[in-house]
Protein backbone atom coordinates (compact mmCIF):
# COMPACT_ATOMS: atom_id res chain seq x y z
CA MET A 1 -30.43 14.34 20.62
CA ARG A 2 -29.25 10.91 19.43
CA HIS A 3 -26.54 8.80 21.66
CA PHE A 4 -25.38 5.65 20.04
CA VAL A 5 -23.54 3.65 22.45
CA ARG A 6 -20.52 2.09 21.00
CA TRP A 7 -21.09 3.37 17.48
CA ALA A 8 -17.66 2.45 16.71
CA ASN A 9 -16.39 -0.98 18.39
CA ALA A 10 -13.36 -0.80 20.55
CA ASP A 11 -10.85 -2.29 17.94
CA GLN A 12 -12.15 0.35 15.30
CA ALA A 13 -12.18 3.15 17.84
CA ASP A 14 -8.61 2.39 18.59
CA LEU A 15 -7.51 2.49 15.07
CA TRP A 16 -9.04 5.78 14.21
CA LEU A 17 -7.70 7.33 17.71
CA ASP A 18 -3.96 6.42 16.89
CA ALA A 19 -4.45 7.31 13.49
CA LEU A 20 -5.81 10.88 14.00
CA LEU A 21 -3.35 11.37 16.93
CA ALA A 22 -0.66 10.77 14.57
CA ALA A 23 -1.83 12.61 11.43
CA VAL A 24 -3.67 15.48 12.53
CA PRO A 25 -1.46 18.68 13.01
CA TRP A 26 -2.36 19.69 16.59
CA LYS A 27 -2.48 23.42 17.76
CA GLN A 28 -2.98 25.02 20.78
CA GLU A 29 -5.09 28.23 19.58
CA HIS A 30 -5.54 31.35 21.67
CA ILE A 31 -8.94 32.89 22.13
CA THR A 32 -10.61 36.02 23.67
CA VAL A 33 -12.71 35.45 26.61
CA PHE A 34 -14.14 38.47 28.31
CA GLY A 35 -11.63 40.65 26.59
CA ARG A 36 -8.85 38.49 27.68
CA ARG A 37 -6.67 36.57 25.37
CA GLN A 38 -5.64 33.18 26.81
CA ALA A 39 -4.58 29.85 25.46
CA MET A 40 -7.45 27.29 25.04
CA PRO A 41 -7.51 24.32 27.54
CA ARG A 42 -7.13 21.85 24.77
CA LEU A 43 -5.63 21.39 21.29
CA SER A 44 -7.53 21.51 18.22
CA CYS A 45 -7.60 21.43 14.35
CA TRP A 46 -10.20 22.83 11.64
CA MET A 47 -10.42 20.42 8.89
CA ALA A 48 -12.74 21.31 5.99
CA ASP A 49 -13.63 21.61 2.25
CA PRO A 50 -12.03 24.81 0.66
CA GLY A 51 -14.30 27.92 1.49
CA CYS A 52 -15.47 26.47 4.52
CA GLU A 53 -14.16 29.06 7.00
CA TYR A 54 -15.16 29.03 10.77
CA ARG A 55 -14.70 31.50 13.17
CA TYR A 56 -15.36 31.70 16.98
CA SER A 57 -14.33 33.59 20.10
CA ASP A 58 -12.31 35.97 17.84
CA LEU A 59 -10.18 32.90 16.38
CA GLN A 60 -10.17 32.33 12.61
CA ASN A 61 -9.50 28.66 12.22
CA VAL A 62 -6.78 27.76 9.42
CA ILE A 63 -8.46 25.22 7.22
CA GLU A 64 -6.23 21.81 7.12
CA PRO A 65 -6.43 19.26 4.51
CA TRP A 66 -8.64 16.15 5.39
CA VAL A 67 -6.28 13.29 6.66
CA PRO A 68 -7.38 9.85 5.61
CA ALA A 69 -9.12 8.56 8.91
CA ALA A 70 -11.25 11.82 9.09
CA ARG A 71 -12.17 11.60 5.36
CA GLU A 72 -13.34 8.04 6.00
CA LEU A 73 -15.28 8.91 9.10
CA ARG A 74 -16.91 11.80 7.20
CA ALA A 75 -18.17 9.74 4.60
CA ARG A 76 -19.40 6.99 6.99
CA LEU A 77 -21.19 9.87 9.01
CA SER A 78 -22.67 11.60 6.09
CA ASP A 79 -24.01 8.52 4.66
CA GLU A 80 -25.62 7.43 7.72
CA LEU A 81 -26.94 10.49 8.64
CA GLY A 82 -27.94 12.08 5.61
CA CYS A 83 -26.06 15.03 5.76
CA PRO A 84 -23.21 16.07 3.46
CA PHE A 85 -20.71 17.10 6.37
CA ASN A 86 -18.05 19.50 4.75
CA SER A 87 -16.08 20.22 7.96
CA LEU A 88 -14.71 18.77 11.26
CA LEU A 89 -13.57 20.65 14.38
CA LEU A 90 -11.30 18.16 16.22
CA ASN A 91 -10.59 18.81 19.95
CA LEU A 92 -7.90 16.77 21.76
CA TYR A 93 -8.37 16.80 25.69
CA ARG A 94 -4.89 15.68 26.62
CA ASP A 95 -6.16 14.80 30.18
CA GLY A 96 -9.07 15.80 32.38
CA ARG A 97 -7.52 19.21 33.19
CA ASP A 98 -8.44 20.09 29.73
CA SER A 99 -11.91 21.19 29.47
CA MET A 100 -14.40 23.23 27.32
CA GLY A 101 -17.02 25.85 29.29
CA TRP A 102 -20.67 26.35 28.41
CA HIS A 103 -21.42 27.38 24.83
CA ALA A 104 -23.46 26.67 21.70
CA ASP A 105 -22.25 25.94 18.44
CA ASP A 106 -24.19 28.77 16.87
CA GLU A 107 -21.75 30.89 14.72
CA PRO A 108 -23.48 32.18 11.60
CA GLU A 109 -21.73 30.23 9.24
CA LEU A 110 -22.63 26.91 10.36
CA ASP A 111 -26.02 25.48 8.63
CA PRO A 112 -28.76 25.68 11.72
CA ASP A 113 -30.68 23.17 9.72
CA ALA A 114 -27.80 20.47 9.73
CA PRO A 115 -27.05 18.12 12.75
CA ILE A 116 -23.77 18.46 14.36
CA ALA A 117 -22.38 14.71 14.81
CA SER A 118 -19.80 14.32 17.76
CA LEU A 119 -17.60 11.37 17.92
CA SER A 120 -15.86 10.64 21.14
CA LEU A 121 -12.47 8.58 21.20
CA GLY A 122 -10.10 7.56 24.15
CA ALA A 123 -11.19 8.28 27.78
CA THR A 124 -14.62 8.51 29.04
CA ARG A 125 -15.66 12.16 29.76
CA THR A 126 -18.91 14.00 30.92
CA PHE A 127 -20.75 15.90 28.43
CA ARG A 128 -23.55 18.24 30.13
CA MET A 129 -26.31 20.14 28.53
CA ARG A 130 -28.74 22.73 29.95
CA PRO A 131 -31.57 24.85 28.61
CA ARG A 132 -30.44 28.40 27.13
CA ARG A 133 -33.41 30.24 27.92
CA VAL A 134 -33.45 29.02 31.77
CA ALA A 135 -30.66 30.62 33.51
CA SER A 136 -30.99 28.03 36.29
CA GLY A 137 -32.12 25.44 34.15
CA GLN A 138 -31.43 21.60 35.12
CA ALA A 139 -28.31 20.25 33.31
CA VAL A 140 -28.57 16.70 31.75
CA ALA A 141 -25.35 14.79 31.45
CA TRP A 142 -23.75 11.74 29.38
CA GLU A 143 -20.73 9.89 30.11
CA LEU A 144 -19.53 9.71 26.59
CA ARG A 145 -17.06 6.75 26.14
CA HIS A 146 -14.75 5.32 23.30
CA GLY A 147 -16.87 4.92 20.45
CA ASP A 148 -19.75 6.65 21.35
CA LEU A 149 -21.53 9.09 18.85
CA LEU A 150 -23.83 11.68 20.17
CA VAL A 151 -25.92 13.71 17.29
CA MET A 152 -26.95 16.99 18.08
CA ASP A 153 -30.08 17.51 15.76
CA PRO A 154 -31.58 20.97 15.10
CA PRO A 155 -32.54 23.18 16.96
CA THR A 156 -30.35 21.82 19.72
CA GLN A 157 -27.71 24.75 19.33
CA ARG A 158 -30.60 27.07 19.21
CA ASP A 159 -32.03 25.84 22.70
CA TRP A 160 -29.21 24.53 24.49
CA ARG A 161 -25.78 25.02 25.82
CA HIS A 162 -23.04 22.38 26.53
CA GLU A 163 -19.69 21.86 28.08
CA LEU A 164 -17.13 19.39 29.05
CA PRO A 165 -16.17 19.99 32.67
CA ARG A 166 -12.50 19.49 33.99
CA ARG A 167 -12.13 15.89 35.51
CA VAL A 168 -9.05 15.92 37.20
CA ARG A 169 -8.86 12.28 37.69
CA VAL A 170 -8.74 11.54 34.00
CA LEU A 171 -5.42 10.82 32.95
CA ALA A 172 -5.71 9.57 29.46
CA PRO A 173 -6.46 11.71 26.39
CA ARG A 174 -9.78 12.22 24.79
CA LEU A 175 -10.60 13.20 21.11
CA ASN A 176 -13.61 14.66 20.35
CA LEU A 177 -14.34 14.81 16.43
CA THR A 178 -17.35 17.32 15.72
CA PHE A 179 -18.65 16.91 12.23
CA ARG A 180 -20.45 20.20 10.62
CA LYS A 181 -22.04 21.78 7.68
CA VAL A 182 -20.78 24.96 6.96
CA LEU A 183 -22.56 27.36 4.49
CA PRO A 184 -20.92 28.73 1.67
CA ARG A 185 -19.87 32.55 1.81
CA GLY A 186 -23.04 34.78 1.52
CA VAL A 187 -25.57 31.99 2.18
CA LYS A 188 -27.42 32.57 5.68
């Protein structure tokens, strides 16, 4: 796990935030949790190269084309981290009531040998992790701020779960971009 505080300076982070909020085709998807269909507590979008399909919680994401700001970020992160990212899950937490529960990004189409690069734009939010194999494992937390980059290197997804808990006092939006490498169909 690598945390780059202010990976993007405030001016650049503001430009990316504004551009992405305006250009991304945001959706409120519905997922199945414990057999119940419900609206996700956030807005999302899946951008990817053709053939980079991604499915989780009984949701097959529709591939959207790369918008310029996302394309720019992908090129920069792919170069800096040495990973040819081919997909991006964007999550828009409209305020502190939007959240994400404990999970690991370990779907079979994700390359288990590639990092996941998570860029935070907007409001500061708490990001928590706990060991997967220890039910009562102690959680660790980071306050991810505007422009922070968190890189989850392998085997993070195998060994840890993470969440973004509700924070009702947070009134501003937070945009999280998670760059990923999806394996082509038939390669596991």
